[in-house]
Amino acid sequence: MMLRKRNWLVVLLTVLLAVSFTLTGCGGSDSSSSTSTSGTATATGSAAGEKLDPIEISFFISDPGQAPTPDNKIYKKIKEELGVTCNFEFLVGDKNQKIGVMIAGGEYPDVVTVGSDTVSKFTGAGALVPLEDIIEKSAPNLKKHFDPFKNKVKDVEDGHFYAMPGYGVYYNDFSINVNEGPAFFIQKAVLKDAGYPKVKTLDQYFDLIEKYKAKNPTIDGQPTIGFEILSEGWRDFCLKNPPQHLIGHPNDGGVVVNSETNTAEFFWDKDYAKRYYKKINEINAKGLLDPETFTMNFDQYIAKLSSGRVLGMFDQHWNFNNAELTLKTQKKFERTYAPLPLVFDEDTRDYYMDRPVLNVNTGYAITKSAKNPERIVKFFDALLTEEWQTILGWGIKDEDYKVGDDGMFYMTPEQRVNYNDQTWRLANMAHTLWYYAPKMEGTFSDGNATGPGGQPKEYYDALDQYDKDFFKAYGYDQQSDFFSPAPENRISYPAWQIDLVDGSPASMANTKVGDIATKYLPKAILAKPDKFDSVWDEYVNQLHKEDIQAYVDRINDQLKWRAENWK
């Protein structure tokens, strides 16, 4: 769905007491494991020869996270060579509450991560610093990076550039070895047990899960779970987005967009949506759906996937990647997941994998509380060099990766094990900083991919033999081969990035229909099959009481604006 927005004009004092967070400093003082190219009093900046004063930058990360270790070698290197100490605060609790408390108090960390559901909360409160003039004057790397997208990164309301997108700017050549986007996922063990079938439709998918669960009622001593649905908070796209894909459309959030007319329709009340949820109702009646699926939070969801006993779910790969890392660490490769781009009918072409898009309205933004916004911009500019992008993406040469005689980067088996180990990452990678920051994707000037996952040979060599055999059984080389090739994106794609403007009729309608869906979809799914239609009808009636048209009008206005301005 289009991410929800709430009105924060009134925030109770009790909210302040209810919100908790973790704060961690990420600049070590021990320099023994890093090589410094500058003194401790000054640091080299983005302009050649420029010396910059040391600075501590406070970050608020609007997702749960785990603190890097105090002696993390990459953050130590950043402190020594760039003069920057990074202090990260990770979200614990409700994101909207936390942001509301910040806005009510008017005090912010130096840098916040924003998304399409939160950026207008900050801009509406006057909390963010416009970046276009600073970048033009002081950040040549960022200027070059975003110059082709000047119209895309502008706030559509006031024309300023606030949020620096972390993804979608590709350099030179690129290949998609792993599609990190949406799919119906299924354990590889299920497909192997069935003889590696080509699974096209939703009915075929659940038939496989039902048969495997009947043969394997427990996995590692725990009850087997056939299907899981994450519906907590903004991650409720796992519950609400599948119908659009099942009819052959890409991820546009809460709407389906006609690519020929560039117009959107709200789909939650459509017959094809009903068809999907009725199927989930049927599989629940068969005992395939986890009874706890609508009461679990994200951490519990990840824990269940990490246990290896969940056979399938609809999700986006980036959302549960940590669970797969855990399974790989435990050598449970057969319990990791293959993506299936399912459709209702076999004659429908799947459209799950899309071409890269700039992730507008997301990424790091600098707040008005920052004492030196220009210094912070220069830090991000310094990171946007091939030298630092290599460090952030690959690590330290020889320690974390090798360079072959042909100049191509690769990892030894031991280095690959480290790279996939979450505990190792906390001490040896600046993953949090890199993940949200502007970054190079694709390849460097020497032909190496910007990270191991994009290096075709390294990707294949890093696969466990189980995965190599699994792909070979399908005649595939990589995970992305399960999908149809991505067609050209329409100019206005994707609609889910559209800012609804906090407090607007469109935003309020989106919040209300989102709450209705969160209430009624679980009721419909868990109802007795002969009661499903009546619950569905009640759900649709409740939806139609809201101003859906205001929501659709806002989407269509912005789709039209994009088509005219993003050419």
Protein backbone atom coordinates (compact mmCIF):
# COMPACT_ATOMS: atom_id res chain seq x y z
CA MET A 1 0.00 0.00 0.00
CA MET A 2 0.98 3.66 -0.13
CA LEU A 3 2.65 4.16 3.21
CA ARG A 4 0.45 5.69 5.84
CA LYS A 5 0.64 9.25 7.05
CA ARG A 6 -0.62 10.60 10.36
CA ASN A 7 -1.36 14.09 11.62
CA TRP A 8 1.01 15.14 14.40
CA LEU A 9 -0.41 18.52 15.33
CA VAL A 10 -1.12 17.17 18.80
CA VAL A 11 1.34 14.92 20.62
CA LEU A 12 0.68 13.90 24.21
CA LEU A 13 3.41 13.96 26.81
CA THR A 14 2.77 10.30 27.50
CA VAL A 15 3.99 9.47 24.01
CA LEU A 16 7.37 10.88 24.92
CA LEU A 17 7.60 8.51 27.83
CA ALA A 18 6.46 5.54 25.76
CA VAL A 19 9.01 5.81 22.98
CA SER A 20 12.32 4.11 23.53
CA PHE A 21 15.46 4.02 21.43
CA THR A 22 19.04 2.84 21.34
CA LEU A 23 21.97 5.14 20.84
CA THR A 24 25.41 4.06 19.78
CA GLY A 25 28.67 5.77 18.94
CA CYS A 26 30.50 4.37 15.94
CA GLY A 27 33.90 6.01 15.94
CA GLY A 28 36.56 3.97 17.71
CA SER A 29 39.60 5.56 19.29
CA ASP A 30 41.98 2.63 18.73
CA SER A 31 43.73 3.20 15.40
CA SER A 32 45.86 0.09 15.33
CA SER A 33 43.93 -1.72 12.59
CA SER A 34 43.44 1.22 10.22
CA THR A 35 45.70 3.14 7.91
CA SER A 36 45.41 6.90 8.30
CA THR A 37 46.13 9.34 5.49
CA SER A 38 45.58 12.44 7.62
CA GLY A 39 46.20 13.76 11.08
CA THR A 40 43.72 13.61 13.91
CA ALA A 41 43.07 17.34 14.03
CA THR A 42 42.00 17.78 10.43
CA ALA A 43 40.63 15.53 7.72
CA THR A 44 40.77 15.50 3.94
CA GLY A 45 37.44 16.50 2.41
CA SER A 46 35.80 16.14 -0.97
CA ALA A 47 37.74 18.94 -2.62
CA ALA A 48 41.33 18.02 -3.39
CA GLY A 49 43.62 19.11 -0.58
CA GLU A 50 40.85 20.63 1.52
CA LYS A 51 41.28 20.14 5.24
CA LEU A 52 38.14 19.83 7.35
CA ASP A 53 37.65 19.98 11.10
CA PRO A 54 36.62 16.76 12.85
CA ILE A 55 32.90 16.43 13.47
CA GLU A 56 30.47 14.12 15.23
CA ILE A 57 27.29 13.46 13.25
CA SER A 58 24.18 12.12 14.96
CA PHE A 59 21.89 9.93 12.85
CA PHE A 60 18.34 8.76 13.45
CA ILE A 61 17.66 5.53 11.55
CA SER A 62 13.90 5.04 11.24
CA ASP A 63 14.21 1.25 11.23
CA PRO A 64 15.19 -1.20 13.95
CA GLY A 65 18.88 -1.98 13.83
CA GLN A 66 21.84 -3.35 15.68
CA ALA A 67 24.76 -1.24 16.77
CA PRO A 68 28.15 -1.78 15.17
CA THR A 69 30.88 -2.74 17.59
CA PRO A 70 32.89 0.10 19.18
CA ASP A 71 36.04 -1.10 17.39
CA ASN A 72 34.41 -1.43 13.95
CA LYS A 73 37.32 -1.07 11.56
CA ILE A 74 35.51 0.85 8.81
CA TYR A 75 34.08 3.48 11.14
CA LYS A 76 37.53 3.84 12.66
CA LYS A 77 38.95 4.40 9.20
CA ILE A 78 36.26 6.98 8.48
CA LYS A 79 37.11 8.82 11.70
CA GLU A 80 40.82 8.80 10.99
CA GLU A 81 40.74 9.71 7.31
CA LEU A 82 37.58 11.82 7.02
CA GLY A 83 37.41 13.21 10.55
CA VAL A 84 33.85 12.00 11.11
CA THR A 85 32.44 10.10 14.07
CA CYS A 86 29.02 8.58 13.39
CA ASN A 87 26.52 8.20 16.24
CA PHE A 88 23.51 6.12 15.29
CA GLU A 89 20.14 6.05 17.02
CA PHE A 90 17.98 3.13 15.86
CA LEU A 91 14.22 3.00 16.07
CA VAL A 92 12.65 0.96 18.85
CA GLY A 93 8.89 1.22 19.01
CA ASP A 94 6.51 3.06 16.73
CA LYS A 95 8.13 5.15 13.99
CA ASN A 96 5.32 7.69 13.68
CA GLN A 97 5.34 8.26 17.43
CA LYS A 98 9.08 8.81 17.48
CA ILE A 99 8.93 11.28 14.59
CA GLY A 100 5.98 13.03 16.20
CA VAL A 101 7.93 13.53 19.42
CA MET A 102 10.84 15.03 17.46
CA ILE A 103 8.55 17.44 15.64
CA ALA A 104 6.69 18.43 18.79
CA GLY A 105 9.95 19.20 20.59
CA GLY A 106 11.62 20.84 17.60
CA GLU A 107 14.87 19.01 18.35
CA TYR A 108 16.41 16.59 15.87
CA PRO A 109 19.58 14.63 15.29
CA ASP A 110 21.83 16.03 12.57
CA VAL A 111 20.68 13.49 10.00
CA VAL A 112 17.47 11.47 9.71
CA THR A 113 16.40 8.75 7.32
CA VAL A 114 13.15 9.58 5.57
CA GLY A 115 10.75 7.65 3.37
CA SER A 116 7.82 8.48 1.16
CA ASP A 117 5.58 8.06 4.22
CA THR A 118 7.55 10.43 6.45
CA VAL A 119 9.31 13.05 4.34
CA SER A 120 6.35 15.43 4.30
CA LYS A 121 6.08 15.19 8.11
CA PHE A 122 9.57 16.66 8.34
CA THR A 123 9.22 19.18 5.52
CA GLY A 124 5.82 20.27 6.80
CA ALA A 125 7.45 21.04 10.16
CA GLY A 126 10.26 22.98 8.49
CA ALA A 127 12.71 20.45 9.92
CA LEU A 128 14.91 19.77 6.88
CA VAL A 129 17.69 21.77 5.26
CA PRO A 130 17.48 22.36 1.48
CA LEU A 131 20.58 20.82 -0.06
CA GLU A 132 20.67 22.04 -3.67
CA ASP A 133 22.78 25.17 -3.05
CA ILE A 134 25.21 23.38 -0.71
CA ILE A 135 25.69 20.56 -3.19
CA GLU A 136 26.15 23.00 -6.08
CA LYS A 137 28.82 24.89 -4.15
CA SER A 138 30.63 22.24 -2.11
CA ALA A 139 29.90 18.70 -3.29
CA PRO A 140 31.09 17.92 -6.84
CA ASN A 141 30.60 14.18 -6.49
CA LEU A 142 27.02 14.51 -5.25
CA LYS A 143 26.32 17.09 -7.95
CA LYS A 144 27.49 14.72 -10.68
CA HIS A 145 25.62 11.84 -9.04
CA PHE A 146 22.23 13.57 -8.91
CA ASP A 147 22.51 15.97 -11.86
CA PRO A 148 20.68 13.67 -14.31
CA PHE A 149 17.80 13.46 -11.83
CA LYS A 150 17.43 17.13 -10.84
CA ASN A 151 13.70 17.19 -11.50
CA LYS A 152 13.12 13.87 -9.75
CA VAL A 153 14.79 14.76 -6.45
CA LYS A 154 12.94 18.07 -6.07
CA ASP A 155 10.15 18.27 -3.53
CA VAL A 156 7.02 18.68 -5.65
CA GLU A 157 5.57 21.21 -3.21
CA ASP A 158 8.41 23.74 -2.89
CA GLY A 159 11.05 22.65 -5.41
CA HIS A 160 13.83 22.05 -2.86
CA PHE A 161 16.11 19.01 -2.64
CA TYR A 162 15.86 17.51 0.86
CA ALA A 163 16.34 13.72 0.77
CA MET A 164 19.37 12.12 -0.86
CA PRO A 165 18.17 8.83 -2.39
CA GLY A 166 20.33 5.85 -1.50
CA TYR A 167 19.44 3.71 -4.48
CA GLY A 168 18.83 3.93 -8.20
CA VAL A 169 21.88 5.69 -9.65
CA TYR A 170 23.78 3.23 -11.83
CA TYR A 171 27.26 3.64 -13.22
CA ASN A 172 28.54 1.95 -16.37
CA ASP A 173 27.30 -1.64 -16.77
CA PHE A 174 25.20 -3.55 -14.30
CA SER A 175 23.53 -6.91 -13.93
CA ILE A 176 20.80 -8.03 -11.58
CA ASN A 177 21.91 -11.33 -10.08
CA VAL A 178 19.44 -11.15 -7.19
CA ASN A 179 16.11 -9.38 -7.54
CA GLU A 180 15.56 -7.78 -4.15
CA GLY A 181 11.94 -6.89 -4.93
CA PRO A 182 8.59 -8.66 -4.48
CA ALA A 183 7.64 -12.26 -5.12
CA PHE A 184 5.88 -15.20 -3.62
CA PHE A 185 8.75 -17.05 -1.99
CA ILE A 186 8.97 -20.79 -1.40
CA GLN A 187 11.55 -22.95 0.31
CA LYS A 188 13.91 -24.60 -2.14
CA ALA A 189 13.31 -27.90 -0.35
CA VAL A 190 9.67 -27.80 -1.44
CA LEU A 191 10.59 -27.37 -5.11
CA LYS A 192 13.27 -30.06 -4.95
CA ASP A 193 10.83 -32.49 -3.34
CA ALA A 194 8.36 -31.86 -6.18
CA GLY A 195 10.97 -32.45 -8.87
CA TYR A 196 11.82 -28.81 -9.63
CA PRO A 197 8.55 -27.82 -11.29
CA LYS A 198 8.00 -24.50 -13.10
CA VAL A 199 5.40 -22.85 -10.89
CA LYS A 200 3.30 -20.21 -12.61
CA THR A 201 0.00 -19.78 -10.77
CA LEU A 202 -1.17 -19.17 -7.23
CA ASP A 203 -3.10 -22.45 -7.20
CA GLN A 204 0.00 -24.42 -8.20
CA TYR A 205 2.00 -22.70 -5.47
CA PHE A 206 -0.35 -23.58 -2.63
CA ASP A 207 -0.81 -27.11 -3.95
CA LEU A 208 2.95 -27.66 -3.57
CA ILE A 209 2.97 -26.20 -0.06
CA GLU A 210 -0.01 -28.31 1.01
CA LYS A 211 1.56 -31.55 -0.21
CA TYR A 212 4.96 -30.82 1.32
CA LYS A 213 3.48 -29.86 4.68
CA ALA A 214 1.45 -33.09 4.74
CA LYS A 215 4.65 -35.08 4.15
CA ASN A 216 6.67 -32.97 6.59
CA PRO A 217 4.45 -31.92 9.52
CA THR A 218 7.53 -30.87 11.49
CA ILE A 219 10.90 -29.36 10.58
CA ASP A 220 13.73 -29.64 13.08
CA GLY A 221 11.25 -30.69 15.74
CA GLN A 222 8.91 -27.71 15.29
CA PRO A 223 5.52 -27.59 13.53
CA THR A 224 5.80 -26.75 9.86
CA ILE A 225 4.18 -23.45 8.82
CA GLY A 226 2.75 -23.44 5.33
CA PHE A 227 2.32 -19.72 4.70
CA GLU A 228 3.12 -16.55 6.59
CA ILE A 229 1.78 -13.00 6.17
CA LEU A 230 3.57 -10.03 7.71
CA SER A 231 1.12 -7.21 8.37
CA GLU A 232 2.82 -5.06 11.00
CA GLY A 233 3.09 -1.32 10.41
CA TRP A 234 4.46 -0.04 7.12
CA ARG A 235 5.53 -3.55 6.14
CA ASP A 236 1.88 -4.44 5.55
CA PHE A 237 2.64 -4.48 1.84
CA CYS A 238 3.08 -8.21 2.42
CA LEU A 239 -0.67 -8.32 3.12
CA LYS A 240 -1.96 -5.66 0.74
CA ASN A 241 0.16 -5.67 -2.43
CA PRO A 242 -0.16 -9.20 -3.93
CA PRO A 243 -3.31 -8.68 -6.03
CA GLN A 244 -1.65 -6.18 -8.38
CA HIS A 245 1.13 -8.63 -9.22
CA LEU A 246 -1.23 -11.54 -9.73
CA ILE A 247 -2.87 -9.69 -12.63
CA GLY A 248 0.49 -8.86 -14.23
CA HIS A 249 1.22 -5.37 -12.90
CA PRO A 250 4.36 -4.04 -11.17
CA ASN A 251 4.64 -2.60 -7.69
CA ASP A 252 2.80 0.73 -7.65
CA GLY A 253 1.79 0.54 -3.99
CA GLY A 254 -1.93 1.02 -3.38
CA VAL A 255 -2.92 1.47 -7.02
CA VAL A 256 -2.76 -0.27 -10.37
CA VAL A 257 -1.62 2.05 -13.16
CA ASN A 258 -2.63 1.71 -16.80
CA SER A 259 0.67 2.17 -18.63
CA GLU A 260 -1.03 3.41 -21.80
CA THR A 261 -3.14 6.13 -20.19
CA ASN A 262 -0.86 6.76 -17.17
CA THR A 263 -3.88 6.69 -14.86
CA ALA A 264 -4.35 4.84 -11.60
CA GLU A 265 -7.17 2.87 -10.05
CA PHE A 266 -7.59 1.86 -6.43
CA PHE A 267 -7.59 -1.94 -6.42
CA TRP A 268 -8.31 -3.07 -2.88
CA ASP A 269 -12.04 -3.34 -3.57
CA LYS A 270 -11.75 -5.02 -6.97
CA ASP A 271 -12.80 -8.56 -7.82
CA TYR A 272 -9.22 -9.62 -8.48
CA ALA A 273 -8.31 -8.54 -4.94
CA LYS A 274 -11.23 -10.55 -3.60
CA ARG A 275 -10.00 -13.55 -5.58
CA TYR A 276 -6.66 -13.45 -3.80
CA TYR A 277 -7.99 -13.09 -0.28
CA LYS A 278 -10.58 -15.78 -0.86
CA LYS A 279 -7.73 -18.11 -1.78
CA ILE A 280 -5.92 -17.20 1.44
CA ASN A 281 -9.17 -17.87 3.30
CA GLU A 282 -9.24 -21.34 1.73
CA ILE A 283 -5.66 -22.18 2.66
CA ASN A 284 -6.32 -20.99 6.20
CA ALA A 285 -9.24 -23.41 6.41
CA LYS A 286 -6.81 -26.15 5.39
CA GLY A 287 -4.42 -25.27 8.20
CA LEU A 288 -1.68 -23.88 5.96
CA LEU A 289 -1.70 -20.34 7.37
CA ASP A 290 0.18 -19.63 10.59
CA PRO A 291 -2.44 -19.02 13.34
CA GLU A 292 -0.19 -16.29 14.76
CA THR A 293 0.38 -14.54 11.45
CA PHE A 294 -1.73 -11.46 12.23
CA THR A 295 -0.46 -10.97 15.78
CA MET A 296 3.30 -11.26 15.27
CA ASN A 297 5.64 -8.32 14.87
CA PHE A 298 8.51 -8.02 12.42
CA ASP A 299 11.12 -9.50 14.75
CA GLN A 300 8.92 -12.53 15.40
CA TYR A 301 8.36 -12.92 11.66
CA ILE A 302 12.10 -12.90 10.99
CA ALA A 303 12.64 -15.37 13.82
CA LYS A 304 10.13 -17.79 12.29
CA LEU A 305 11.71 -17.55 8.85
CA SER A 306 15.15 -18.00 10.44
CA SER A 307 13.98 -21.22 12.09
CA GLY A 308 13.60 -22.86 8.68
CA ARG A 309 10.03 -24.04 9.20
CA VAL A 310 8.10 -21.49 7.10
CA LEU A 311 7.46 -22.87 3.62
CA GLY A 312 6.24 -19.73 1.89
CA MET A 313 5.26 -16.06 2.04
CA PHE A 314 4.79 -12.98 -0.11
CA ASP A 315 7.46 -10.40 0.63
CA GLN A 316 10.26 -8.34 -0.84
CA HIS A 317 13.64 -10.03 -0.64
CA TRP A 318 15.44 -7.12 1.01
CA ASN A 319 12.88 -7.23 3.82
CA PHE A 320 13.79 -10.73 5.03
CA ASN A 321 17.38 -10.98 3.84
CA ASN A 322 18.68 -11.21 7.41
CA ALA A 323 16.64 -14.38 7.93
CA GLU A 324 18.30 -15.93 4.89
CA LEU A 325 21.73 -14.93 6.18
CA THR A 326 20.92 -16.76 9.41
CA LEU A 327 19.82 -19.86 7.52
CA LYS A 328 23.00 -19.80 5.43
CA THR A 329 25.14 -19.41 8.54
CA GLN A 330 23.41 -22.52 9.90
CA LYS A 331 24.09 -24.35 6.58
CA LYS A 332 20.33 -24.75 6.03
CA PHE A 333 20.54 -23.88 2.34
CA GLU A 334 17.53 -26.04 1.49
CA ARG A 335 15.45 -23.84 3.82
CA THR A 336 16.35 -20.63 1.98
CA TYR A 337 13.88 -19.30 -0.57
CA ALA A 338 13.32 -19.21 -4.30
CA PRO A 339 11.21 -16.38 -5.75
CA LEU A 340 8.13 -17.23 -7.78
CA PRO A 341 6.49 -14.46 -9.85
CA LEU A 342 3.00 -15.91 -9.59
CA VAL A 343 -0.07 -14.87 -11.56
CA PHE A 344 -3.68 -15.99 -11.43
CA ASP A 345 -3.78 -17.36 -14.97
CA GLU A 346 -1.01 -18.99 -16.97
CA ASP A 347 -1.47 -16.73 -19.99
CA THR A 348 -0.60 -13.62 -17.90
CA ARG A 349 2.98 -12.37 -18.15
CA ASP A 350 4.53 -11.75 -14.75
CA TYR A 351 5.76 -8.26 -13.91
CA TYR A 352 7.53 -8.45 -10.57
CA MET A 353 11.06 -7.46 -11.56
CA ASP A 354 11.43 -3.86 -12.67
CA ARG A 355 14.28 -1.79 -14.00
CA PRO A 356 16.23 0.33 -11.54
CA VAL A 357 14.45 3.47 -10.39
CA LEU A 358 15.73 6.36 -8.33
CA ASN A 359 14.35 5.88 -4.84
CA VAL A 360 13.00 9.42 -4.50
CA ASN A 361 11.68 10.79 -1.19
CA THR A 362 13.92 8.36 0.68
CA GLY A 363 17.40 8.33 2.16
CA TYR A 364 19.37 10.66 4.41
CA ALA A 365 18.16 14.21 5.04
CA ILE A 366 19.91 16.89 7.10
CA THR A 367 17.87 18.64 9.79
CA LYS A 368 17.76 22.24 10.97
CA SER A 369 19.38 21.10 14.24
CA ALA A 370 22.66 20.35 12.43
CA LYS A 371 25.21 23.03 13.30
CA ASN A 372 27.22 22.57 10.11
CA PRO A 373 25.11 21.16 7.23
CA GLU A 374 27.84 21.96 4.69
CA ARG A 375 30.37 19.81 6.59
CA ILE A 376 27.90 16.91 6.62
CA VAL A 377 27.27 17.27 2.88
CA LYS A 378 31.02 17.24 2.29
CA PHE A 379 31.23 13.98 4.25
CA PHE A 380 28.68 12.29 2.00
CA ASP A 381 30.48 13.77 -0.99
CA ALA A 382 33.77 12.26 0.15
CA LEU A 383 32.12 8.84 0.46
CA LEU A 384 30.94 9.06 -3.15
CA THR A 385 34.34 8.27 -4.64
CA GLU A 386 35.41 4.93 -6.07
CA GLU A 387 37.94 4.55 -3.25
CA TRP A 388 35.35 4.87 -0.48
CA GLN A 389 32.63 3.06 -2.40
CA THR A 390 35.01 0.12 -2.71
CA ILE A 391 35.67 0.20 1.04
CA LEU A 392 31.95 0.41 1.84
CA GLY A 393 30.91 -2.21 -0.71
CA TRP A 394 33.81 -4.69 -0.60
CA GLY A 395 35.86 -3.86 2.48
CA ILE A 396 39.63 -3.63 2.88
CA LYS A 397 41.78 -5.11 0.13
CA ASP A 398 43.38 -8.45 1.03
CA GLU A 399 41.59 -8.51 4.41
CA ASP A 400 38.06 -8.71 3.02
CA TYR A 401 38.57 -9.35 -0.70
CA LYS A 402 41.32 -10.14 -3.19
CA VAL A 403 42.24 -8.77 -6.58
CA GLY A 404 42.98 -11.29 -9.31
CA ASP A 405 45.68 -11.02 -11.98
CA ASP A 406 42.95 -9.75 -14.30
CA GLY A 407 42.16 -6.91 -11.92
CA MET A 408 38.79 -8.36 -10.91
CA PHE A 409 37.73 -8.47 -7.26
CA TYR A 410 36.90 -11.78 -5.65
CA MET A 411 36.60 -13.35 -2.22
CA THR A 412 38.16 -16.44 -0.75
CA PRO A 413 35.81 -19.01 0.82
CA GLU A 414 36.70 -17.68 4.26
CA GLN A 415 36.03 -14.09 3.22
CA ARG A 416 32.65 -15.10 1.78
CA VAL A 417 31.69 -16.76 5.05
CA ASN A 418 32.61 -13.57 6.88
CA TYR A 419 30.66 -11.39 4.46
CA ASN A 420 27.48 -13.37 5.10
CA ASP A 421 27.95 -13.46 8.88
CA GLN A 422 25.90 -10.75 10.57
CA THR A 423 28.09 -10.71 13.67
CA TRP A 424 31.21 -10.24 11.56
CA ARG A 425 29.54 -7.41 9.66
CA LEU A 426 28.92 -5.47 12.86
CA ALA A 427 32.66 -5.30 13.46
CA ASN A 428 33.96 -5.06 9.93
CA MET A 429 31.48 -3.20 7.71
CA ALA A 430 29.81 0.22 7.85
CA HIS A 431 26.57 -1.29 6.62
CA THR A 432 24.13 1.14 8.26
CA LEU A 433 25.93 4.19 6.89
CA TRP A 434 26.27 2.68 3.42
CA TYR A 435 22.73 1.29 3.20
CA TYR A 436 20.92 4.65 3.36
CA ALA A 437 23.61 6.86 1.82
CA PRO A 438 23.92 7.95 -1.82
CA LYS A 439 25.90 5.20 -3.50
CA MET A 440 27.29 4.01 -6.77
CA GLU A 441 25.54 0.99 -8.20
CA GLY A 442 26.59 -0.93 -11.29
CA THR A 443 30.32 -1.03 -11.96
CA PHE A 444 33.41 1.06 -11.28
CA SER A 445 35.58 2.47 -14.05
CA ASP A 446 37.77 -0.65 -13.92
CA GLY A 447 34.81 -2.96 -14.61
CA ASN A 448 34.43 -4.30 -11.08
CA ALA A 449 30.94 -4.33 -9.59
CA THR A 450 30.30 -1.91 -6.74
CA GLY A 451 29.61 -4.86 -4.43
CA PRO A 452 30.10 -8.64 -4.39
CA GLY A 453 26.45 -9.33 -5.21
CA GLY A 454 26.77 -7.53 -8.54
CA GLN A 455 29.94 -9.33 -9.67
CA PRO A 456 28.62 -12.22 -11.80
CA LYS A 457 31.54 -14.60 -11.25
CA GLU A 458 31.82 -13.76 -7.56
CA TYR A 459 28.08 -14.19 -7.15
CA TYR A 460 28.23 -17.69 -8.66
CA ASP A 461 31.44 -18.73 -6.90
CA ALA A 462 29.95 -17.61 -3.58
CA LEU A 463 26.95 -19.91 -3.97
CA ASP A 464 26.87 -23.04 -1.89
CA GLN A 465 26.94 -26.25 -3.92
CA TYR A 466 23.30 -26.80 -2.96
CA ASP A 467 22.31 -23.57 -4.67
CA LYS A 468 24.46 -24.27 -7.71
CA ASP A 469 22.75 -27.63 -8.12
CA PHE A 470 19.36 -26.04 -7.50
CA PHE A 471 19.81 -23.42 -10.20
CA LYS A 472 21.23 -26.02 -12.57
CA ALA A 473 18.10 -28.14 -12.14
CA TYR A 474 16.12 -25.20 -13.50
CA GLY A 475 18.64 -24.27 -16.17
CA TYR A 476 19.28 -20.97 -14.42
CA ASP A 477 22.48 -19.15 -13.47
CA GLN A 478 21.09 -16.81 -10.83
CA GLN A 479 18.08 -15.99 -8.69
CA SER A 480 16.79 -13.30 -11.04
CA ASP A 481 16.33 -15.87 -13.82
CA PHE A 482 13.08 -16.93 -12.14
CA PHE A 483 11.50 -13.68 -13.34
CA SER A 484 10.49 -12.45 -16.76
CA PRO A 485 12.91 -9.76 -17.98
CA ALA A 486 11.94 -6.31 -16.76
CA PRO A 487 10.34 -4.13 -19.45
CA GLU A 488 11.11 -0.43 -19.72
CA ASN A 489 9.63 1.51 -16.83
CA ARG A 490 6.97 4.03 -17.70
CA ILE A 491 8.19 7.57 -17.05
CA SER A 492 5.97 8.07 -13.99
CA TYR A 493 6.87 4.76 -12.30
CA PRO A 494 6.53 3.91 -9.43
CA ALA A 495 3.42 5.42 -7.86
CA TRP A 496 4.29 4.25 -4.35
CA GLN A 497 6.95 6.97 -4.13
CA ILE A 498 4.37 9.74 -4.45
CA ASP A 499 4.20 11.99 -1.41
CA LEU A 500 0.55 12.33 -0.38
CA VAL A 501 1.36 15.39 1.79
CA ASP A 502 0.72 14.86 5.47
CA GLY A 503 -2.70 16.12 6.58
CA SER A 504 -4.10 16.41 3.05
CA PRO A 505 -7.44 14.79 2.07
CA ALA A 506 -5.47 12.20 0.06
CA SER A 507 -3.26 11.38 3.02
CA MET A 508 -6.18 11.15 5.44
CA ALA A 509 -8.12 8.92 3.04
CA ASN A 510 -5.08 6.69 2.63
CA THR A 511 -4.72 6.35 6.39
CA LYS A 512 -8.40 5.53 6.86
CA VAL A 513 -8.62 2.91 4.11
CA GLY A 514 -5.34 1.45 5.37
CA ASP A 515 -6.80 1.07 8.85
CA ILE A 516 -9.97 -0.49 7.41
CA ALA A 517 -7.94 -3.00 5.43
CA THR A 518 -5.80 -3.82 8.45
CA LYS A 519 -8.99 -4.55 10.40
CA TYR A 520 -11.06 -6.39 7.80
CA LEU A 521 -8.59 -8.40 5.71
CA PRO A 522 -7.54 -10.59 8.66
CA LYS A 523 -11.23 -11.02 9.56
CA ALA A 524 -12.03 -12.13 6.01
CA ILE A 525 -9.05 -14.45 5.81
CA LEU A 526 -9.75 -16.09 9.19
CA ALA A 527 -13.53 -16.36 8.67
CA LYS A 528 -15.18 -19.67 7.97
CA PRO A 529 -15.28 -20.12 4.19
CA ASP A 530 -19.06 -19.75 4.04
CA LYS A 531 -18.76 -16.38 5.83
CA PHE A 532 -16.02 -14.94 3.63
CA ASP A 533 -18.33 -13.21 1.13
CA SER A 534 -20.31 -11.41 3.82
CA VAL A 535 -17.14 -10.14 5.57
CA TRP A 536 -15.73 -9.06 2.22
CA ASP A 537 -18.89 -7.13 1.37
CA GLU A 538 -18.75 -5.38 4.73
CA TYR A 539 -15.09 -4.51 4.10
CA VAL A 540 -15.85 -3.00 0.69
CA ASN A 541 -18.76 -1.03 2.11
CA GLN A 542 -16.48 0.45 4.77
CA LEU A 543 -13.87 1.36 2.15
CA HIS A 544 -16.46 3.14 0.04
CA LYS A 545 -17.42 5.38 2.95
CA GLU A 546 -14.03 7.06 2.70
CA ASP A 547 -12.85 9.64 0.20
CA ILE A 548 -10.94 7.21 -2.01
CA GLN A 549 -11.28 9.60 -4.92
CA ALA A 550 -9.15 12.22 -3.14
CA TYR A 551 -6.40 9.62 -2.84
CA VAL A 552 -6.69 8.53 -6.48
CA ASP A 553 -6.82 12.15 -7.68
CA ARG A 554 -3.58 12.96 -5.87
CA ILE A 555 -1.89 9.92 -7.41
CA ASN A 556 -3.13 10.80 -10.90
CA ASP A 557 -2.13 14.45 -10.56
CA GLN A 558 1.40 13.39 -9.64
CA LEU A 559 1.57 10.74 -12.37
CA LYS A 560 0.67 13.45 -14.88
CA TRP A 561 3.23 15.85 -13.36
CA ARG A 562 5.94 13.21 -13.56
CA ALA A 563 5.14 12.37 -17.18
CA GLU A 564 5.52 16.05 -18.04
CA ASN A 565 8.59 16.80 -15.92
CA TRP A 566 10.57 13.55 -15.80
CA LYS A 567 11.09 13.13 -19.53
